[in-house]
């Protein structure tokens, strides 16, 4: 026998269910994702992962130098800024980037005018549907896709797959990754250190020495008027860590001797001034390194002096 519930009871129940759904969606959209949560969304197997705290670098007065060094004032970028009003130097707060074999994946926190961005995509021949926007890039492997995870959080991908951004919708299984407190850090898998062609000549011997490490992390942050770069390499054994520390010290000494042989002194405006000032120590399985980076180096980099 079917029971019929009075209308005065059904309507409040339905209203309560709808309110709960609306509240749940609003909560999920408004809660703040931690950097550890975001990192779990990125494809990270054998990928170089970069984190940049644009807001922190902006406060330290270093962001303009990094922006100039990155060469962001090319015509395509200027056109994008003029059309959308978005400028990462001003509008981005943080970025997590995975340089994966299948493409580049970015989680960007900042201020976005989603309407202007959608209009720009359509004006360039792209499409936006159900908040996912797709656009052909300058090459077949540079198809761009993005969608808002939150009003201030963009999931973006550049890949051969024009739906690649959807890979960032959910978190991957596994332990929560450790997040460094530095405003700038780079997680480098050992496999990436084998591609020496992309490295400046002065860095290649250091990359070779680090290949046997389990994990390599480079980080950087302001230190007064300059920056300091730091290395943390995790090895398989104490013996391997001791050998690595010795190798890195020897390479630093050798580089200094080569500079002196040319009747030169290490120049703070180029890599010789940084690499010859490196110091290293072993702590158990870890090798820690540190290099001072003077502001004149960043200014030289921004001016195209390297």
Protein backbone atom coordinates (compact mmCIF):
# COMPACT_ATOMS: atom_id res chain seq x y z
CA UNK A 1 0.00 0.00 0.00
CA UNK A 2 1.49 3.32 -1.07
CA UNK A 3 1.66 6.10 1.49
CA UNK A 4 0.77 9.62 0.46
CA UNK A 5 2.52 12.36 2.40
CA UNK A 6 0.77 15.64 2.98
CA UNK A 7 1.88 18.56 0.85
CA UNK A 8 2.72 20.64 3.92
CA UNK A 9 5.38 18.04 4.81
CA UNK A 10 6.74 17.36 1.29
CA UNK A 11 7.40 20.99 0.36
CA UNK A 12 9.64 21.79 3.38
CA UNK A 13 11.56 18.54 2.81
CA UNK A 14 12.18 19.40 -0.83
CA UNK A 15 13.22 22.93 0.12
CA UNK A 16 15.64 21.53 2.69
CA UNK A 17 17.20 19.13 0.16
CA UNK A 18 17.63 21.92 -2.42
CA UNK A 19 19.12 24.25 0.17
CA UNK A 20 21.56 21.52 1.21
CA UNK A 21 22.68 20.97 -2.39
CA UNK A 22 23.12 24.70 -2.96
CA UNK A 23 25.04 25.05 0.30
CA UNK A 24 27.26 22.09 -0.56
CA UNK A 25 28.13 23.45 -3.99
CA UNK A 26 28.79 26.93 -2.55
CA UNK A 27 31.01 25.41 0.15
CA UNK A 28 33.06 23.39 -2.33
CA UNK A 29 33.50 26.44 -4.55
CA UNK A 30 34.43 28.77 -1.70
CA UNK A 31 36.82 26.62 0.35
CA UNK A 32 40.48 27.30 -0.15
CA UNK A 33 42.58 24.54 -1.71
CA UNK A 34 45.95 24.11 -0.02
CA UNK A 35 49.11 23.91 -2.12
CA UNK A 36 49.49 20.26 -1.04
CA UNK A 37 45.96 19.56 -2.33
CA UNK A 38 46.74 21.29 -5.62
CA UNK A 39 50.05 19.46 -6.02
CA UNK A 40 48.19 16.14 -5.79
CA UNK A 41 46.19 17.14 -8.88
CA UNK A 42 49.24 17.64 -11.09
CA UNK A 43 50.72 14.84 -13.22
CA UNK A 44 54.06 14.47 -11.46
CA UNK A 45 55.55 11.11 -12.53
CA UNK A 46 59.01 11.98 -13.90
CA UNK A 47 57.88 15.60 -14.27
CA UNK A 48 59.70 18.75 -13.26
CA UNK A 49 57.36 20.65 -10.91
CA UNK A 50 57.70 24.38 -10.34
CA UNK A 51 56.08 26.55 -7.66
CA UNK A 52 56.15 30.35 -7.74
CA UNK A 53 54.72 32.63 -5.07
CA UNK A 54 54.20 35.71 -7.22
CA UNK A 55 52.70 37.64 -4.33
CA UNK A 56 55.77 37.01 -2.16
CA UNK A 57 58.18 37.98 -4.95
CA UNK A 58 56.06 41.07 -5.61
CA UNK A 59 56.36 42.14 -1.96
CA UNK A 60 60.13 41.60 -2.10
CA UNK A 61 60.43 43.82 -5.18
CA UNK A 62 61.82 40.97 -7.28
CA UNK A 63 58.89 40.09 -9.54
CA UNK A 64 59.55 42.77 -12.16
CA UNK A 65 63.11 41.45 -12.57
CA UNK A 66 61.88 37.88 -13.01
CA UNK A 67 59.23 39.03 -15.47
CA UNK A 68 61.77 40.91 -17.58
CA UNK A 69 64.15 37.94 -17.50
CA UNK A 70 61.37 35.64 -18.72
CA UNK A 71 60.83 37.79 -21.81
CA UNK A 72 57.11 38.26 -21.30
CA UNK A 73 56.83 41.32 -23.50
CA UNK A 74 56.62 39.46 -26.82
CA UNK A 75 53.86 40.58 -29.25
CA UNK A 76 51.56 37.60 -28.54
CA UNK A 77 51.69 38.25 -24.81
CA UNK A 78 51.06 41.99 -25.24
CA UNK A 79 48.05 41.22 -27.44
CA UNK A 80 46.69 38.81 -24.82
CA UNK A 81 47.10 41.40 -22.03
CA UNK A 82 45.44 44.13 -24.07
CA UNK A 83 42.50 41.89 -25.04
CA UNK A 84 41.81 40.33 -21.63
CA UNK A 85 43.22 42.83 -19.14
CA UNK A 86 45.10 39.96 -17.47
CA UNK A 87 48.76 40.48 -16.57
CA UNK A 88 50.44 37.84 -14.43
CA UNK A 89 52.91 40.35 -13.00
CA UNK A 90 49.96 42.12 -11.41
CA UNK A 91 47.18 39.53 -11.23
CA UNK A 92 48.76 36.17 -10.32
CA UNK A 93 49.30 35.18 -6.68
CA UNK A 94 50.72 31.66 -6.98
CA UNK A 95 51.43 29.09 -9.69
CA UNK A 96 52.08 25.35 -9.62
CA UNK A 97 53.38 23.99 -12.93
CA UNK A 98 54.09 20.42 -14.02
CA UNK A 99 56.38 19.99 -17.05
CA UNK A 100 55.16 16.51 -17.96
CA UNK A 101 55.92 14.34 -20.99
CA UNK A 102 52.28 14.77 -22.11
CA UNK A 103 52.29 18.57 -21.78
CA UNK A 104 52.40 21.45 -19.32
CA UNK A 105 49.83 21.57 -16.52
CA UNK A 106 49.25 24.70 -14.46
CA UNK A 107 47.19 25.57 -11.39
CA UNK A 108 47.05 29.34 -11.13
CA UNK A 109 45.68 31.35 -8.22
CA UNK A 110 44.89 35.01 -8.82
CA UNK A 111 42.37 37.50 -10.18
CA UNK A 112 40.61 36.39 -13.37
CA UNK A 113 37.93 38.09 -15.46
CA UNK A 114 36.41 34.89 -16.79
CA UNK A 115 34.08 36.74 -19.15
CA UNK A 116 36.96 38.59 -20.83
CA UNK A 117 38.98 35.38 -21.05
CA UNK A 118 36.07 33.55 -22.72
CA UNK A 119 35.59 36.39 -25.20
CA UNK A 120 39.31 36.28 -26.04
CA UNK A 121 39.15 32.50 -26.67
CA UNK A 122 36.13 32.85 -28.98
CA UNK A 123 37.76 35.77 -30.77
CA UNK A 124 40.76 33.55 -31.49
CA UNK A 125 38.58 30.81 -32.95
CA UNK A 126 38.34 28.73 -29.78
CA UNK A 127 35.31 27.41 -27.89
CA UNK A 128 33.95 27.56 -24.35
CA UNK A 129 31.37 25.04 -23.14
CA UNK A 130 30.30 24.23 -19.57
CA UNK A 131 33.15 26.41 -18.24
CA UNK A 132 35.82 24.46 -20.22
CA UNK A 133 37.54 26.66 -22.80
CA UNK A 134 39.73 25.30 -25.62
CA UNK A 135 41.98 27.08 -28.06
CA UNK A 136 44.44 26.02 -30.76
CA UNK A 137 48.01 27.07 -29.96
CA UNK A 138 50.89 28.06 -32.18
CA UNK A 139 51.78 24.38 -32.81
CA UNK A 140 49.83 21.06 -32.83
CA UNK A 141 51.31 20.07 -29.46
CA UNK A 142 50.28 23.42 -27.93
CA UNK A 143 46.50 23.05 -27.68
CA UNK A 144 45.30 25.14 -24.73
CA UNK A 145 42.47 24.19 -22.40
CA UNK A 146 41.38 25.67 -19.07
CA UNK A 147 38.51 25.89 -16.62
CA UNK A 148 37.87 27.57 -13.25
CA UNK A 149 38.31 25.30 -10.22
CA UNK A 150 37.19 28.29 -8.16
CA UNK A 151 36.61 31.96 -9.04
CA UNK A 152 40.24 32.69 -8.15
CA UNK A 153 41.77 29.38 -9.29
CA UNK A 154 42.43 28.32 -12.89
CA UNK A 155 43.30 24.82 -14.10
CA UNK A 156 45.14 25.13 -17.42
CA UNK A 157 46.97 22.74 -19.74
CA UNK A 158 49.05 23.05 -22.91
CA UNK A 159 49.16 19.70 -24.68
CA UNK A 160 48.38 17.74 -27.84
CA UNK A 161 45.10 16.86 -26.10
CA UNK A 162 42.63 19.74 -26.21
CA UNK A 163 40.86 18.32 -23.13
CA UNK A 164 44.05 17.96 -21.07
CA UNK A 165 42.96 20.48 -18.42
CA UNK A 166 40.26 18.04 -17.27
CA UNK A 167 43.07 15.87 -15.84
CA UNK A 168 43.33 18.49 -13.07
CA UNK A 169 39.76 18.03 -11.81
CA UNK A 170 40.57 15.48 -9.12
CA UNK A 171 43.38 14.57 -6.75
CA UNK A 172 45.60 11.58 -7.32
CA UNK A 173 45.97 8.86 -4.73
CA UNK A 174 49.03 8.60 -2.53
CA UNK A 175 50.53 10.42 0.45
CA UNK A 176 50.16 14.17 0.72
CA UNK A 177 53.29 15.78 -0.75
CA UNK A 178 55.55 17.96 1.34
CA UNK A 179 55.35 21.65 0.43
CA UNK A 180 58.33 23.93 0.90
CA UNK A 181 57.91 27.29 2.60
CA UNK A 182 60.10 29.04 0.00
CA UNK A 183 58.43 31.42 -2.49
CA UNK A 184 60.17 29.67 -5.37
CA UNK A 185 61.00 25.98 -5.69
CA UNK A 186 61.67 23.34 -8.30
CA UNK A 187 61.24 19.58 -7.85
CA UNK A 188 63.55 17.79 -10.30
CA UNK A 189 63.29 14.02 -10.94
CA UNK A 190 66.67 12.36 -11.60
CA UNK A 191 65.58 11.46 -15.15
CA UNK A 192 65.28 15.16 -16.03
CA UNK A 193 68.93 15.74 -15.16
CA UNK A 194 70.00 13.56 -18.11
CA UNK A 195 68.79 16.14 -20.64
CA UNK A 196 71.96 18.22 -20.52
CA UNK A 197 71.30 20.01 -23.80
CA UNK A 198 68.81 22.29 -22.06
CA UNK A 199 71.25 23.29 -19.32
CA UNK A 200 73.92 26.02 -19.41
CA UNK A 201 77.40 24.51 -19.79
CA UNK A 202 78.42 25.54 -16.26
CA UNK A 203 75.56 23.57 -14.73
CA UNK A 204 76.09 20.30 -16.57
CA UNK A 205 78.79 18.83 -14.28
CA UNK A 206 76.55 19.53 -11.26
CA UNK A 207 73.60 17.84 -13.01
CA UNK A 208 75.73 14.74 -13.69
CA UNK A 209 76.72 14.51 -10.04
CA UNK A 210 73.07 14.69 -8.94
CA UNK A 211 71.74 11.96 -11.23
CA UNK A 212 72.01 9.22 -8.62
CA UNK A 213 69.89 11.07 -6.04
CA UNK A 214 66.38 9.90 -5.22
CA UNK A 215 64.99 13.43 -5.15
CA UNK A 216 66.39 16.86 -5.97
CA UNK A 217 64.75 20.10 -4.84
CA UNK A 218 65.96 23.59 -5.61
CA UNK A 219 64.41 26.51 -3.76
CA UNK A 220 64.95 30.23 -3.57
CA UNK A 221 63.87 33.21 -1.56
CA UNK A 222 64.78 36.79 -0.71
CA UNK A 223 67.68 37.40 1.65
CA UNK A 224 67.99 41.11 2.26
CA UNK A 225 68.65 42.82 -1.08
CA UNK A 226 69.61 39.54 -2.77
CA UNK A 227 68.28 36.00 -3.10
CA UNK A 228 69.59 32.68 -1.86
CA UNK A 229 69.26 29.42 -3.77
CA UNK A 230 69.21 26.19 -1.79
CA UNK A 231 69.61 22.56 -2.80
CA UNK A 232 68.28 19.48 -1.05
CA UNK A 233 69.28 16.17 -2.61
CA UNK A 234 68.07 12.95 -0.98
CA UNK A 235 70.34 9.95 -1.55
CA UNK A 236 69.95 6.18 -1.11
CA UNK A 237 72.61 5.85 1.61
CA UNK A 238 74.83 7.89 3.90
CA UNK A 239 77.84 6.81 1.83
CA UNK A 240 76.26 8.04 -1.39
CA UNK A 241 75.38 11.35 0.26
CA UNK A 242 78.95 11.79 1.51
CA UNK A 243 80.30 11.08 -1.99
CA UNK A 244 77.86 13.55 -3.57
CA UNK A 245 78.79 16.31 -1.12
CA UNK A 246 82.47 15.73 -1.88
CA UNK A 247 81.82 15.83 -5.63
CA UNK A 248 79.87 19.09 -5.42
CA UNK A 249 82.61 20.74 -3.32
CA UNK A 250 85.25 19.54 -5.79
CA UNK A 251 83.30 20.87 -8.77
CA UNK A 252 82.94 24.25 -7.05
CA UNK A 253 86.68 24.39 -6.35
CA UNK A 254 87.53 23.32 -9.91
CA UNK A 255 85.28 25.99 -11.38
CA UNK A 256 87.01 28.64 -9.26
CA UNK A 257 90.41 27.40 -10.47
CA UNK A 258 89.28 27.52 -14.11
CA UNK A 259 88.10 31.11 -13.68
CA UNK A 260 91.43 32.06 -12.05
CA UNK A 261 93.37 30.33 -14.85
CA UNK A 262 91.73 32.73 -17.30
CA UNK A 263 92.98 35.60 -15.12
CA UNK A 264 89.39 36.39 -14.19
CA UNK A 265 87.52 36.72 -10.93
CA UNK A 266 84.04 35.28 -10.32
CA UNK A 267 81.49 37.79 -11.62
CA UNK A 268 78.30 38.28 -9.57
CA UNK A 269 76.56 39.25 -12.83
CA UNK A 270 76.88 35.74 -14.32
CA UNK A 271 76.84 32.08 -13.29
CA UNK A 272 80.53 32.11 -12.32
CA UNK A 273 79.77 34.39 -9.38
CA UNK A 274 76.98 32.11 -8.16
CA UNK A 275 78.48 28.65 -8.71
CA UNK A 276 81.90 29.43 -7.20
CA UNK A 277 80.21 30.65 -4.00
CA UNK A 278 78.36 27.38 -3.34
CA UNK A 279 78.71 25.61 0.02
CA UNK A 280 77.62 22.03 0.73
CA UNK A 281 77.08 19.80 3.74
CA UNK A 282 75.84 16.28 4.36
CA UNK A 283 73.09 15.51 6.88
CA UNK A 284 72.42 11.79 6.87
CA UNK A 285 70.84 10.84 3.56
CA UNK A 286 70.57 14.48 2.49
CA UNK A 287 73.03 16.82 0.85
CA UNK A 288 72.28 20.51 1.40
CA UNK A 289 73.70 23.24 -0.82
CA UNK A 290 73.46 27.01 -0.81
CA UNK A 291 74.35 29.78 -3.29
CA UNK A 292 73.94 33.56 -2.90
CA UNK A 293 72.34 35.32 -5.88
CA UNK A 294 73.09 39.01 -5.99
CA UNK A 295 70.53 41.43 -7.36
CA UNK A 296 72.94 42.46 -10.14
CA UNK A 297 72.66 38.89 -11.52
CA UNK A 298 68.88 39.24 -11.84
CA UNK A 299 69.28 42.69 -13.37
CA UNK A 300 71.79 41.29 -15.87
CA UNK A 301 69.42 38.41 -16.65
CA UNK A 302 66.53 40.85 -17.16
CA UNK A 303 68.66 42.99 -19.43
CA UNK A 304 69.67 40.06 -21.61
CA UNK A 305 73.25 40.18 -20.39
CA UNK A 306 73.61 36.40 -20.06
